[in-house]
């Protein structure tokens, strides 16, 4: 019996051409919402299990409520959207903030499932592929795990998926509304996690190419730039005044660089100690002497400290060129392969991740390779793919960064092959 047997073909309106029909959108939203609510209620995971929710964000949001707005953590300045959003929910709901914040993230993530499905519809001009992509995203464990936990992951992923829809729509329509909404949602995602700042040159290239007037291209570039500048300006001016550095989102360039360029990180990644050893636990906590503040001159401004971090990292590379090659190789492998690294997690967890993720990754890579024949149509996907490759080379591969940034794009590009398989096995009839 088919898994999906709905037939709405006769009810679609012309405006549904670049977005799911109303009934399809309700179906995907309801499925994503149901899965996320069930996981939130029955997973047993609380605030302490969020990958990027430590006492740091709890304390910072409390500080904001008490009039202390500086998010400087020395090794980096934190992106502002999450701490301020947590403070807002604490202000509105007091001790019950966690319940309402989780509900907000679940609703936003469920909405993003509709946008992801609609992106697939734009890219492949096929309703069945769009529905399959939406269903996979709705139920895929790695895309559900963080959704109800207070942290940057869920909000960033949702906003980034919505921005991907608008840039995909812009590739077709080349209209002012699409590029404006892309700039708005992309900037909000940037204010949540800053690693996507590496993609800015690629988006500029996308705006400036295409068969339309140079005046229109310049106008769209100016509009999108103005939106980004205006939304990030308050935080930038504040940090310039307080910390001596104009910060668009986060200032972690130097801090992340020294984290990934020292002997301890090399040991953790390449010469990993046994998992039950104290040395392994120390390395996993990133207690690296190379990062100790005492190893740097006192009285440095935040800007000077970031520069000192970066310089020390480059000195390590100069002294260890072969280790640097190994680090890049390991980081690329870790980024491109699905699931988690066996050296860091249990066999059961790794096999479970491979079971769900391996087909997605393989089909996605094959489809991305085939899509080079129409490369201009797929530039947004290539932008996300190469941005994360670049991030892994410059800094280091992080599974959750990959999951929240490029994995949803893999789902879109794996959907055509999975749709074809479901049709052959008569499990799909839409």
Protein backbone atom coordinates (compact mmCIF):
# COMPACT_ATOMS: atom_id res chain seq x y z
CA UNK A 1 0.00 0.00 0.00
CA UNK A 2 1.46 3.39 -0.90
CA UNK A 3 2.86 5.53 1.90
CA UNK A 4 1.52 8.72 0.29
CA UNK A 5 -1.71 8.49 -1.69
CA UNK A 6 -2.93 12.10 -1.77
CA UNK A 7 -3.96 13.52 -5.12
CA UNK A 8 -4.18 17.29 -5.13
CA UNK A 9 -3.11 17.82 -8.73
CA UNK A 10 -6.46 19.19 -9.79
CA UNK A 11 -6.65 21.69 -6.93
CA UNK A 12 -3.31 23.46 -7.26
CA UNK A 13 -3.49 27.15 -8.04
CA UNK A 14 -1.02 29.08 -10.23
CA UNK A 15 0.46 30.75 -7.12
CA UNK A 16 1.50 27.30 -5.89
CA UNK A 17 4.05 27.02 -8.71
CA UNK A 18 6.95 28.05 -6.47
CA UNK A 19 5.54 26.96 -3.12
CA UNK A 20 3.68 23.94 -1.82
CA UNK A 21 -0.05 23.93 -2.27
CA UNK A 22 -2.03 24.70 0.87
CA UNK A 23 -2.90 21.05 1.49
CA UNK A 24 0.67 19.86 0.91
CA UNK A 25 2.02 22.56 3.20
CA UNK A 26 -0.43 21.59 5.97
CA UNK A 27 0.54 17.92 5.56
CA UNK A 28 4.30 18.60 5.85
CA UNK A 29 3.86 21.07 8.71
CA UNK A 30 1.59 18.69 10.65
CA UNK A 31 3.96 15.74 10.17
CA UNK A 32 7.01 17.76 11.27
CA UNK A 33 5.11 19.17 14.24
CA UNK A 34 3.88 15.74 15.37
CA UNK A 35 7.35 14.17 15.15
CA UNK A 36 8.97 17.04 17.04
CA UNK A 37 6.34 17.10 19.77
CA UNK A 38 6.66 13.33 20.27
CA UNK A 39 10.44 13.59 20.46
CA UNK A 40 10.24 16.49 22.93
CA UNK A 41 7.84 14.59 25.22
CA UNK A 42 9.37 11.12 25.05
CA UNK A 43 13.12 11.60 24.42
CA UNK A 44 13.84 12.53 28.04
CA UNK A 45 16.24 15.27 26.92
CA UNK A 46 16.26 18.48 28.94
CA UNK A 47 18.02 21.85 28.65
CA UNK A 48 21.35 20.41 29.79
CA UNK A 49 21.50 18.12 26.72
CA UNK A 50 21.60 20.93 24.17
CA UNK A 51 24.88 20.83 22.28
CA UNK A 52 25.40 24.55 22.42
CA UNK A 53 23.34 25.35 25.50
CA UNK A 54 25.66 25.52 28.48
CA UNK A 55 25.44 27.62 31.61
CA UNK A 56 27.03 30.31 29.45
CA UNK A 57 23.82 31.14 27.57
CA UNK A 58 21.69 30.88 30.67
CA UNK A 59 23.99 33.28 32.51
CA UNK A 60 24.28 35.67 29.56
CA UNK A 61 20.52 35.92 29.13
CA UNK A 62 20.18 36.62 32.86
CA UNK A 63 22.89 39.26 32.53
CA UNK A 64 20.96 40.94 29.72
CA UNK A 65 17.86 41.11 31.91
CA UNK A 66 20.04 42.74 34.57
CA UNK A 67 21.36 45.36 32.18
CA UNK A 68 24.71 43.74 31.28
CA UNK A 69 24.78 43.45 27.48
CA UNK A 70 28.40 42.50 26.78
CA UNK A 71 28.68 38.97 25.30
CA UNK A 72 32.49 38.94 25.33
CA UNK A 73 33.86 35.54 26.41
CA UNK A 74 37.51 36.48 25.68
CA UNK A 75 38.15 33.64 23.23
CA UNK A 76 35.23 34.97 21.20
CA UNK A 77 32.25 37.32 21.35
CA UNK A 78 29.02 35.36 21.14
CA UNK A 79 26.46 35.83 18.37
CA UNK A 80 23.62 37.85 19.87
CA UNK A 81 20.30 36.43 18.69
CA UNK A 82 20.06 33.43 21.04
CA UNK A 83 21.05 35.16 24.32
CA UNK A 84 18.71 38.07 23.63
CA UNK A 85 15.90 35.76 22.56
CA UNK A 86 16.32 33.70 25.73
CA UNK A 87 16.22 36.90 27.77
CA UNK A 88 13.01 37.90 25.99
CA UNK A 89 11.32 34.58 26.81
CA UNK A 90 12.52 34.75 30.40
CA UNK A 91 11.11 38.27 30.67
CA UNK A 92 7.73 37.16 29.31
CA UNK A 93 7.32 33.75 30.96
CA UNK A 94 9.60 33.75 34.00
CA UNK A 95 10.42 30.28 35.34
CA UNK A 96 8.31 28.65 32.59
CA UNK A 97 10.48 30.07 29.81
CA UNK A 98 11.85 26.65 28.78
CA UNK A 99 8.42 25.29 27.83
CA UNK A 100 7.50 28.30 25.73
CA UNK A 101 10.94 28.57 24.14
CA UNK A 102 10.84 24.90 23.16
CA UNK A 103 7.39 25.41 21.68
CA UNK A 104 8.65 28.38 19.68
CA UNK A 105 11.55 26.37 18.26
CA UNK A 106 9.29 23.40 17.43
CA UNK A 107 6.86 25.62 15.52
CA UNK A 108 9.67 27.40 13.67
CA UNK A 109 11.31 24.10 12.74
CA UNK A 110 7.99 22.67 11.52
CA UNK A 111 7.51 25.77 9.37
CA UNK A 112 11.02 25.37 7.96
CA UNK A 113 10.07 21.85 6.81
CA UNK A 114 7.48 23.48 4.53
CA UNK A 115 10.12 25.87 3.16
CA UNK A 116 12.60 23.03 2.59
CA UNK A 117 9.97 21.06 0.71
CA UNK A 118 9.12 24.16 -1.35
CA UNK A 119 12.82 24.64 -2.16
CA UNK A 120 12.88 21.12 -3.58
CA UNK A 121 9.81 21.98 -5.65
CA UNK A 122 11.58 25.02 -7.12
CA UNK A 123 14.82 23.17 -7.85
CA UNK A 124 13.37 20.00 -9.36
CA UNK A 125 9.94 21.24 -10.54
CA UNK A 126 8.35 18.09 -9.15
CA UNK A 127 5.71 17.86 -6.44
CA UNK A 128 6.55 14.27 -5.50
CA UNK A 129 10.22 15.10 -4.93
CA UNK A 130 9.18 18.11 -2.86
CA UNK A 131 6.94 16.00 -0.62
CA UNK A 132 9.57 13.29 -0.18
CA UNK A 133 12.17 15.91 0.81
CA UNK A 134 9.74 17.41 3.32
CA UNK A 135 8.89 14.04 4.82
CA UNK A 136 12.55 13.06 5.20
CA UNK A 137 13.41 16.33 6.90
CA UNK A 138 10.38 16.00 9.16
CA UNK A 139 11.41 12.58 10.49
CA UNK A 140 15.22 12.56 10.20
CA UNK A 141 16.67 12.13 13.67
CA UNK A 142 19.63 14.48 13.25
CA UNK A 143 17.24 17.25 12.20
CA UNK A 144 14.90 16.57 15.13
CA UNK A 145 17.36 16.02 17.99
CA UNK A 146 18.09 19.66 18.86
CA UNK A 147 14.70 21.15 18.04
CA UNK A 148 13.19 21.45 21.53
CA UNK A 149 16.51 22.16 23.29
CA UNK A 150 17.47 25.80 23.91
CA UNK A 151 20.47 26.47 21.71
CA UNK A 152 21.67 28.02 18.49
CA UNK A 153 21.24 24.85 16.42
CA UNK A 154 17.49 24.69 15.87
CA UNK A 155 16.88 28.41 15.33
CA UNK A 156 19.85 28.72 12.99
CA UNK A 157 18.82 25.70 10.92
CA UNK A 158 15.24 26.91 10.56
CA UNK A 159 16.24 30.43 9.53
CA UNK A 160 18.91 29.16 7.16
CA UNK A 161 16.47 26.77 5.45
CA UNK A 162 13.97 29.62 4.96
CA UNK A 163 16.73 31.83 3.52
CA UNK A 164 17.70 28.98 1.16
CA UNK A 165 14.13 28.91 -0.15
CA UNK A 166 14.21 32.62 -0.96
CA UNK A 167 17.57 32.47 -2.73
CA UNK A 168 16.33 29.45 -4.70
CA UNK A 169 13.23 31.45 -5.63
CA UNK A 170 15.45 34.37 -6.60
CA UNK A 171 17.34 32.13 -9.02
CA UNK A 172 14.05 31.71 -10.89
CA UNK A 173 12.28 35.06 -10.44
CA UNK A 174 15.17 37.51 -9.99
CA UNK A 175 12.78 39.81 -8.15
CA UNK A 176 13.35 42.40 -5.44
CA UNK A 177 11.00 40.74 -2.93
CA UNK A 178 12.85 37.39 -3.03
CA UNK A 179 16.31 38.90 -2.58
CA UNK A 180 15.06 41.14 0.23
CA UNK A 181 13.52 38.23 2.12
CA UNK A 182 16.67 36.20 1.54
CA UNK A 183 18.81 38.99 2.97
CA UNK A 184 16.50 39.32 5.99
CA UNK A 185 16.38 35.62 6.91
CA UNK A 186 20.05 35.04 6.07
CA UNK A 187 21.10 37.91 8.33
CA UNK A 188 18.97 36.57 11.19
CA UNK A 189 20.65 33.19 10.71
CA UNK A 190 24.03 34.95 10.69
CA UNK A 191 23.17 36.67 13.96
CA UNK A 192 22.53 33.20 15.41
CA UNK A 193 25.71 31.47 14.18
CA UNK A 194 28.45 33.34 12.37
CA UNK A 195 30.16 30.60 10.33
CA UNK A 196 28.00 31.32 7.27
CA UNK A 197 29.71 34.68 6.87
CA UNK A 198 32.15 32.72 4.69
CA UNK A 199 29.38 32.35 2.11
CA UNK A 200 28.92 36.10 1.51
CA UNK A 201 31.24 36.29 -1.56
CA UNK A 202 29.30 33.43 -3.17
CA UNK A 203 25.93 35.14 -2.63
CA UNK A 204 27.32 38.37 -4.10
CA UNK A 205 28.42 36.39 -7.16
CA UNK A 206 24.94 34.89 -7.50
CA UNK A 207 23.32 38.32 -7.36
CA UNK A 208 25.69 39.80 -9.94
CA UNK A 209 25.32 37.01 -12.48
CA UNK A 210 22.29 36.26 -14.66
CA UNK A 211 20.68 37.62 -17.80
CA UNK A 212 19.17 40.86 -16.58
CA UNK A 213 20.22 44.49 -16.48
CA UNK A 214 23.29 45.66 -14.60
CA UNK A 215 21.19 48.35 -12.93
CA UNK A 216 18.87 45.72 -11.48
CA UNK A 217 21.84 43.67 -10.28
CA UNK A 218 23.35 46.66 -8.51
CA UNK A 219 19.97 47.54 -7.00
CA UNK A 220 19.55 44.01 -5.60
CA UNK A 221 23.09 44.00 -4.25
CA UNK A 222 22.53 47.36 -2.56
CA UNK A 223 19.20 46.29 -1.05
CA UNK A 224 20.56 43.03 0.35
CA UNK A 225 23.70 44.74 1.62
CA UNK A 226 21.69 47.47 3.28
CA UNK A 227 19.47 44.93 5.06
CA UNK A 228 22.51 43.06 6.39
CA UNK A 229 24.26 46.25 7.49
CA UNK A 230 21.21 47.70 9.24
CA UNK A 231 20.36 44.50 11.11
CA UNK A 232 23.93 43.94 12.32
CA UNK A 233 24.81 47.58 12.96
CA UNK A 234 23.49 47.94 16.55
CA UNK A 235 25.56 44.97 17.74
CA UNK A 236 28.57 46.10 15.71
CA UNK A 237 28.51 49.65 17.11
CA UNK A 238 28.07 48.37 20.67
CA UNK A 239 31.09 46.05 20.39
CA UNK A 240 33.18 48.74 18.73
CA UNK A 241 32.49 51.01 21.69
CA UNK A 242 32.82 48.41 24.46
CA UNK A 243 35.28 45.83 23.08
CA UNK A 244 37.17 47.86 20.48
CA UNK A 245 36.08 45.66 17.57
CA UNK A 246 33.17 46.04 15.13
CA UNK A 247 31.52 42.62 15.32
CA UNK A 248 28.82 41.66 12.81
CA UNK A 249 27.86 38.48 14.66
CA UNK A 250 30.67 36.65 16.43
CA UNK A 251 34.38 37.42 16.67
CA UNK A 252 35.57 33.84 16.96
CA UNK A 253 37.94 33.75 13.98
CA UNK A 254 41.16 33.82 15.98
CA UNK A 255 39.78 31.77 18.85
CA UNK A 256 38.51 29.00 16.56
CA UNK A 257 41.78 29.04 14.63
CA UNK A 258 44.00 28.48 17.68
CA UNK A 259 41.57 25.81 18.89
CA UNK A 260 42.21 23.84 15.71
CA UNK A 261 45.95 24.54 15.32
CA UNK A 262 47.87 23.16 18.30
CA UNK A 263 49.43 19.89 19.44
CA UNK A 264 46.50 18.91 21.66
CA UNK A 265 43.92 19.29 18.92
CA UNK A 266 46.18 17.27 16.60
CA UNK A 267 46.32 14.56 19.25
CA UNK A 268 42.53 14.58 19.65
CA UNK A 269 41.86 14.37 15.92
CA UNK A 270 44.73 12.23 14.59
CA UNK A 271 46.33 10.43 17.53
CA UNK A 272 43.18 9.96 19.59
CA UNK A 273 43.85 8.46 23.06
CA UNK A 274 41.63 5.63 24.38
CA UNK A 275 38.10 6.85 25.14
CA UNK A 276 38.25 5.77 28.77
CA UNK A 277 41.49 7.65 29.48
CA UNK A 278 41.76 10.91 31.42
CA UNK A 279 43.82 12.36 28.58
CA UNK A 280 40.98 11.74 26.14
CA UNK A 281 38.49 13.42 28.49
CA UNK A 282 40.80 16.43 28.85
CA UNK A 283 41.18 16.78 25.10
CA UNK A 284 37.46 16.42 24.54
CA UNK A 285 36.86 19.29 26.97
CA UNK A 286 39.31 21.31 24.83
CA UNK A 287 41.53 22.08 27.79
CA UNK A 288 44.42 23.06 25.54
CA UNK A 289 47.38 24.92 27.11
CA UNK A 290 47.89 26.70 23.78
CA UNK A 291 44.62 28.54 24.41
CA UNK A 292 45.33 29.57 28.02
CA UNK A 293 44.91 33.29 28.49
CA UNK A 294 48.00 33.32 30.75
CA UNK A 295 50.14 32.44 27.72
CA UNK A 296 49.36 35.81 26.14
CA UNK A 297 50.40 39.30 27.25
CA UNK A 298 48.07 40.95 29.76
CA UNK A 299 46.03 43.98 28.87
CA UNK A 300 45.33 43.03 25.25
CA UNK A 301 42.12 44.36 23.75
CA UNK A 302 39.74 41.80 22.30
CA UNK A 303 40.89 42.70 18.79
CA UNK A 304 44.55 42.30 19.77
CA UNK A 305 43.84 38.99 21.49
CA UNK A 306 42.08 37.57 18.42
CA UNK A 307 45.08 38.61 16.32
CA UNK A 308 47.44 36.94 18.83
CA UNK A 309 45.39 33.73 18.66
CA UNK A 310 45.56 33.76 14.87
CA UNK A 311 49.31 34.45 14.81
CA UNK A 312 50.01 31.61 17.23
CA UNK A 313 47.98 29.25 15.05
CA UNK A 314 49.96 30.24 11.95
CA UNK A 315 53.21 29.72 13.83
CA UNK A 316 52.09 26.18 14.67
CA UNK A 317 51.33 25.51 10.99
CA UNK A 318 54.76 26.82 9.97
CA UNK A 319 56.43 24.55 12.52
CA UNK A 320 54.27 21.51 11.66
CA UNK A 321 53.46 21.49 7.92
CA UNK A 322 52.93 17.71 7.73
CA UNK A 323 50.60 17.77 10.73
CA UNK A 324 48.67 20.57 9.05
CA UNK A 325 48.17 18.41 5.96
CA UNK A 326 46.94 15.59 8.18
CA UNK A 327 44.54 17.91 10.01
CA UNK A 328 43.05 19.17 6.75
CA UNK A 329 42.68 15.60 5.46
CA UNK A 330 41.00 14.35 8.63
CA UNK A 331 38.71 17.36 8.76
CA UNK A 332 37.61 16.89 5.16
CA UNK A 333 36.94 13.19 5.70
CA UNK A 334 34.99 13.90 8.87
CA UNK A 335 32.96 16.53 7.08
CA UNK A 336 32.14 14.54 3.95
CA UNK A 337 31.26 11.24 5.58
CA UNK A 338 27.86 10.85 7.25
CA UNK A 339 27.22 10.27 10.92
CA UNK A 340 29.65 10.70 13.76
CA UNK A 341 33.27 9.59 14.13
CA UNK A 342 33.66 6.07 15.55
CA UNK A 343 36.60 7.17 17.70
CA UNK A 344 34.39 9.54 19.69
CA UNK A 345 31.04 7.75 19.99
CA UNK A 346 29.66 4.29 20.70
CA UNK A 347 29.41 1.71 17.91
CA UNK A 348 25.64 1.53 18.35
CA UNK A 349 25.24 5.28 17.92
CA UNK A 350 27.50 5.35 14.88
CA UNK A 351 25.70 2.46 13.18
CA UNK A 352 22.34 4.07 13.84
CA UNK A 353 23.54 7.32 12.29
CA UNK A 354 24.95 5.50 9.27
CA UNK A 355 21.71 3.57 8.76
CA UNK A 356 19.74 6.78 8.27
CA UNK A 357 22.36 9.14 6.88
CA UNK A 358 24.45 7.05 4.47
CA UNK A 359 21.76 6.80 1.75
CA UNK A 360 21.01 10.51 2.09
CA UNK A 361 24.66 11.47 1.65
CA UNK A 362 25.35 9.07 -1.22
CA UNK A 363 22.25 10.09 -3.19
CA UNK A 364 22.93 13.76 -2.51
CA UNK A 365 26.53 13.60 -3.71
CA UNK A 366 25.46 11.78 -6.88
CA UNK A 367 22.71 14.31 -7.59
CA UNK A 368 25.03 17.27 -6.91
CA UNK A 369 27.50 15.76 -9.38
CA UNK A 370 24.78 15.30 -12.01
CA UNK A 371 23.58 18.84 -11.43
CA UNK A 372 26.84 20.29 -12.72
CA UNK A 373 25.28 20.00 -16.19
CA UNK A 374 22.93 22.80 -15.10
CA UNK A 375 25.27 24.40 -12.59
CA UNK A 376 23.72 27.87 -12.66
CA UNK A 377 20.39 26.49 -11.43
CA UNK A 378 22.06 24.83 -8.46
CA UNK A 379 24.44 27.59 -7.37
CA UNK A 380 22.75 28.05 -3.95
CA UNK A 381 23.36 24.39 -3.11
CA UNK A 382 26.96 24.56 -4.29
CA UNK A 383 27.43 27.70 -2.22
CA UNK A 384 26.34 25.95 0.97
CA UNK A 385 28.39 22.85 0.11
CA UNK A 386 31.64 24.73 -0.58
CA UNK A 387 31.15 27.15 2.32
CA UNK A 388 31.17 24.23 4.74
CA UNK A 389 34.16 22.66 2.97
CA UNK A 390 35.97 25.97 3.38
CA UNK A 391 35.00 26.18 7.05
CA UNK A 392 36.32 22.66 7.67
CA UNK A 393 39.64 23.50 6.03
CA UNK A 394 40.13 26.88 7.71
CA UNK A 395 38.99 25.74 11.14
CA UNK A 396 37.77 22.21 11.87
CA UNK A 397 34.92 19.87 11.06
CA UNK A 398 32.07 19.89 13.58
CA UNK A 399 29.28 17.37 13.12
CA UNK A 400 26.55 19.63 14.44
CA UNK A 401 27.66 22.51 12.17
CA UNK A 402 27.35 20.15 9.21
CA UNK A 403 23.97 18.84 10.40
CA UNK A 404 22.37 22.26 10.83
CA UNK A 405 23.87 23.87 7.72
CA UNK A 406 24.41 21.52 4.79
CA UNK A 407 22.51 18.36 5.78
CA UNK A 408 19.09 19.86 4.93
CA UNK A 409 20.47 20.63 1.45
CA UNK A 410 21.61 17.01 1.16
CA UNK A 411 18.04 15.93 1.92
CA UNK A 412 16.74 18.05 -0.97
CA UNK A 413 19.28 16.57 -3.37
CA UNK A 414 18.79 13.00 -2.18
CA UNK A 415 15.02 13.27 -2.68
CA UNK A 416 14.98 12.60 -6.48
CA UNK A 417 16.67 9.19 -6.14
CA UNK A 418 14.57 8.23 -3.12
CA UNK A 419 11.39 9.30 -4.92
CA UNK A 420 12.37 7.14 -7.88
CA UNK A 421 12.94 4.15 -5.59
CA UNK A 422 9.61 4.63 -3.80
CA UNK A 423 7.80 4.75 -7.12
CA UNK A 424 9.45 1.55 -8.29
CA UNK A 425 8.47 -0.25 -5.10
CA UNK A 426 4.94 1.26 -5.32
CA UNK A 427 5.31 2.91 -1.93
CA UNK A 428 4.60 6.33 -3.42
CA UNK A 429 1.73 7.44 -5.63
CA UNK A 430 1.78 11.22 -5.72
